[in-house]
Every structure is written in structure tokens, then in C-alpha cells.
Protein backbone atom coordinates (compact mmCIF):
# COMPACT_ATOMS: atom_id res chain seq x y z
CA TYR A 1 -88.32 -123.34 -149.70
CA SER A 2 -86.41 -120.09 -149.21
CA ILE A 3 -86.60 -116.46 -150.20
CA PRO A 4 -83.85 -113.84 -150.20
CA ALA A 5 -83.63 -111.49 -147.22
CA PRO A 6 -85.42 -108.19 -147.92
CA ASP A 7 -83.56 -104.88 -148.33
CA LYS A 8 -86.30 -103.06 -146.45
CA CYS A 9 -89.18 -103.83 -144.12
CA PRO A 10 -92.09 -105.22 -146.13
CA SER A 11 -94.57 -103.50 -143.78
CA CYS A 12 -93.23 -99.97 -143.41
CA GLY A 13 -90.49 -99.75 -146.05
CA SER A 14 -87.73 -98.81 -143.60
CA PRO A 15 -84.24 -99.90 -144.67
CA LYS A 16 -83.18 -100.19 -141.00
CA LEU A 17 -83.34 -103.93 -140.56
CA ARG A 18 -81.71 -105.92 -137.82
CA TYR A 19 -81.06 -109.57 -138.46
CA ALA A 20 -81.06 -111.91 -135.51
CA GLY A 21 -80.52 -115.61 -135.24
CA SER A 22 -79.41 -118.30 -132.90
CA GLY A 23 -77.49 -120.64 -135.17
CA THR A 24 -73.83 -121.55 -134.96
CA GLN A 25 -72.81 -118.71 -137.28
CA LYS A 26 -74.46 -116.18 -134.98
CA ALA A 27 -72.90 -117.83 -131.92
CA GLU A 28 -69.52 -117.71 -133.67
CA GLN A 29 -69.88 -113.96 -134.22
CA GLU A 30 -70.81 -113.41 -130.57
CA LEU A 31 -67.90 -115.52 -129.32
CA ALA A 32 -65.48 -113.64 -131.58
CA THR A 33 -66.72 -110.37 -130.07
CA LEU A 34 -66.52 -111.63 -126.49
CA PHE A 35 -63.16 -113.37 -126.90
CA PRO A 36 -61.29 -111.50 -129.65
CA GLU A 37 -57.99 -113.25 -128.94
CA ALA A 38 -59.47 -116.75 -128.97
CA ARG A 39 -58.98 -119.02 -131.95
CA LEU A 40 -62.42 -120.36 -132.92
CA VAL A 41 -63.35 -123.39 -134.96
CA ARG A 42 -66.93 -124.03 -136.02
CA LEU A 43 -68.15 -127.54 -136.78
CA ASP A 44 -71.53 -127.75 -138.46
CA THR A 45 -72.92 -128.87 -141.78
CA ASP A 46 -71.93 -125.64 -143.54
CA SER A 47 -68.34 -125.60 -142.28
CA THR A 48 -67.64 -129.29 -142.96
CA MET A 49 -68.98 -129.69 -146.48
CA GLN A 50 -65.57 -130.16 -148.03
CA ARG A 51 -64.05 -133.60 -147.99
CA TYR A 52 -62.21 -134.37 -144.73
CA ALA A 53 -63.02 -130.91 -143.31
CA TYR A 54 -64.53 -132.45 -140.18
CA GLU A 55 -61.49 -134.64 -139.52
CA LYS A 56 -59.06 -131.79 -140.25
CA LYS A 57 -60.80 -129.40 -137.89
CA LEU A 58 -60.98 -132.01 -135.12
CA GLY A 59 -57.29 -132.76 -135.57
CA ALA A 60 -56.40 -129.09 -135.46
CA PHE A 61 -58.43 -128.66 -132.26
CA ARG A 62 -56.78 -131.72 -130.73
CA ASP A 63 -53.36 -130.28 -131.64
CA GLY A 64 -54.13 -127.01 -129.84
CA GLN A 65 -54.56 -124.83 -132.92
CA TYR A 66 -57.93 -123.64 -131.60
CA ASP A 67 -59.10 -122.47 -128.19
CA ILE A 68 -62.85 -122.77 -128.69
CA MET A 69 -64.83 -125.35 -130.63
CA LEU A 70 -68.37 -124.42 -131.55
CA GLY A 71 -70.62 -126.99 -133.13
CA THR A 72 -73.92 -128.67 -133.58
CA GLN A 73 -74.90 -132.09 -132.29
CA MET A 74 -72.15 -133.61 -134.41
CA VAL A 75 -69.54 -132.64 -131.79
CA ALA A 76 -71.42 -134.19 -128.88
CA LYS A 77 -70.76 -137.83 -129.59
CA GLY A 78 -67.61 -139.87 -129.46
CA LEU A 79 -65.01 -137.13 -129.06
CA ASP A 80 -62.36 -137.22 -126.37
CA PHE A 81 -60.28 -134.11 -125.75
CA PRO A 82 -58.59 -134.20 -122.33
CA ASN A 83 -57.97 -130.43 -122.26
CA VAL A 84 -61.62 -129.42 -122.67
CA THR A 85 -62.77 -127.86 -119.40
CA LEU A 86 -65.95 -126.07 -120.45
CA VAL A 87 -68.81 -127.09 -122.71
CA GLY A 88 -72.03 -125.29 -123.47
CA VAL A 89 -75.39 -126.16 -124.95
CA LEU A 90 -77.48 -123.43 -126.55
CA SER A 91 -81.27 -123.61 -126.59
CA ALA A 92 -81.65 -127.02 -124.96
CA ASP A 93 -85.40 -126.34 -124.90
CA GLN A 94 -85.71 -126.69 -128.67
CA MET A 95 -84.81 -130.34 -128.52
CA LEU A 96 -86.68 -130.96 -125.27
CA HIS A 97 -89.95 -129.71 -126.74
CA SER A 98 -89.66 -131.07 -130.25
CA ASP A 99 -92.59 -133.00 -131.70
CA ASP A 100 -90.69 -136.29 -131.47
CA PHE A 101 -92.16 -138.67 -128.88
CA ARG A 102 -88.58 -139.53 -127.89
CA SER A 103 -87.61 -135.92 -127.25
CA TYR A 104 -86.96 -136.45 -123.54
CA GLU A 105 -84.70 -139.42 -124.20
CA ARG A 106 -82.87 -137.65 -127.00
CA THR A 107 -82.39 -134.52 -124.93
CA PHE A 108 -81.15 -136.49 -121.94
CA SER A 109 -78.78 -138.50 -124.14
CA LEU A 110 -77.32 -135.50 -125.91
CA LEU A 111 -76.93 -133.42 -122.77
CA THR A 112 -75.23 -136.20 -120.82
CA GLN A 113 -72.86 -136.76 -123.72
CA VAL A 114 -72.03 -133.06 -123.93
CA VAL A 115 -71.59 -132.72 -120.17
CA GLY A 116 -69.30 -135.75 -120.29
CA ARG A 117 -67.03 -134.06 -122.85
CA SER A 118 -65.75 -131.61 -120.25
CA GLY A 119 -63.09 -132.51 -117.71
CA ARG A 120 -61.98 -135.81 -119.18
CA GLY A 121 -58.32 -135.47 -118.28
CA ASP A 122 -56.91 -134.39 -114.93
CA LEU A 123 -58.66 -131.03 -115.24
CA THR A 124 -62.02 -130.20 -113.67
CA GLY A 125 -64.82 -129.71 -116.17
CA ARG A 126 -67.91 -127.52 -116.26
CA ALA A 127 -70.98 -127.38 -118.46
CA ILE A 128 -73.33 -124.51 -119.17
CA ILE A 129 -76.80 -125.40 -120.44
CA GLN A 130 -78.90 -122.55 -121.80
CA THR A 131 -82.56 -123.19 -121.08
CA PHE A 132 -85.75 -121.39 -120.19
CA GLU A 133 -86.56 -124.25 -117.82
CA PRO A 134 -83.59 -124.89 -115.53
CA GLU A 135 -85.86 -126.78 -113.12
CA ASN A 136 -87.05 -129.20 -115.80
CA PRO A 137 -86.32 -132.71 -114.48
CA ILE A 138 -84.76 -133.81 -117.78
CA ILE A 139 -82.34 -130.86 -117.75
CA GLU A 140 -81.50 -131.37 -114.07
CA LEU A 141 -80.93 -135.12 -114.41
CA ALA A 142 -78.80 -134.70 -117.54
CA ALA A 143 -76.69 -131.98 -115.93
CA ALA A 144 -76.13 -134.25 -112.92
CA GLN A 145 -75.59 -137.25 -115.22
CA ASP A 146 -78.08 -139.15 -113.08
CA TYR A 147 -78.89 -142.10 -115.33
CA GLN A 148 -80.47 -144.16 -112.55
CA GLU A 149 -83.09 -141.54 -111.71
CA PHE A 150 -83.80 -140.82 -115.37
CA PHE A 151 -84.44 -144.46 -116.24
CA SER A 152 -86.47 -145.12 -113.10
CA ASN A 153 -89.02 -142.49 -114.12
């Protein structure tokens, strides 16, 4: 189900609307503003609908045609780029508090995979995890890649 965005506020009629979001398109706009010289590639369902688009974009990133890769969960698994030194996860809390009974395991798995994408070559890697709960044990254990402690609890 969807409806078109309104031209004016349905409550007061004001045409001064401000759209906000937290998806990859919004993040792409913010990154372009913060890093105007950076070459960005976005990998999500919308940007990879065409045949082989995913593979082409990954190849272009691997070849150094892009400086920043922005994506959904599809970029977390199975990719190996030795020159990646920084990865970030936006809104880790959404997955952590989903209504899936496996949400802790899924969050831990995804975060450890993402953290492991950074610093694979000779370069030191870093990860930034956006969360409202930085002291959450799942977030802390995933950031530290502490599998033993996670599985013992």
C-alpha cells in the first residue's frame, strides 16, 4: 500500500513541508554533501534492479572507481576489498529490536560481518555503528567480534 506524498500539510494546509528519512537514498544525499569530492556508489534494491548492476558496481568499486560504497545488508556478506578501512552501520537498533525471535543472532551476525569488512589488507580498519544503545551487550560483543562471549550467553 502506498499513497503519493502530499503537496501541503493535511492538518494545517501549509505548503512548507520537510521530508526526512533514513534510507540509503537519504544517506547518499548526506554523504554527497559532507564529501563533495568523493565518488559514491549506492548498492540497494533500487540501484541494482538492472541485470548485472550489482556485479558491475562491485567491480567498479574494486577497481577504485568509487571512494565510498553505501549499501543495505546485501553488501555485508561475502565481499573482500583490501583497501576498505572504514565501514559504518546506520540504525543498528532497528534490527536489534525487530519482532523476529532471532533478532539478537541476526544483529550479531550482520554486525560482525560488517566490522570484518574493514581492514582486510595491510591497512588498519575501523567501524562506526550508529545506535541508541552503545552499551547493549549484543552491540558491544559484535563490535569486539567476541564470538566466544556471545555464544556462551
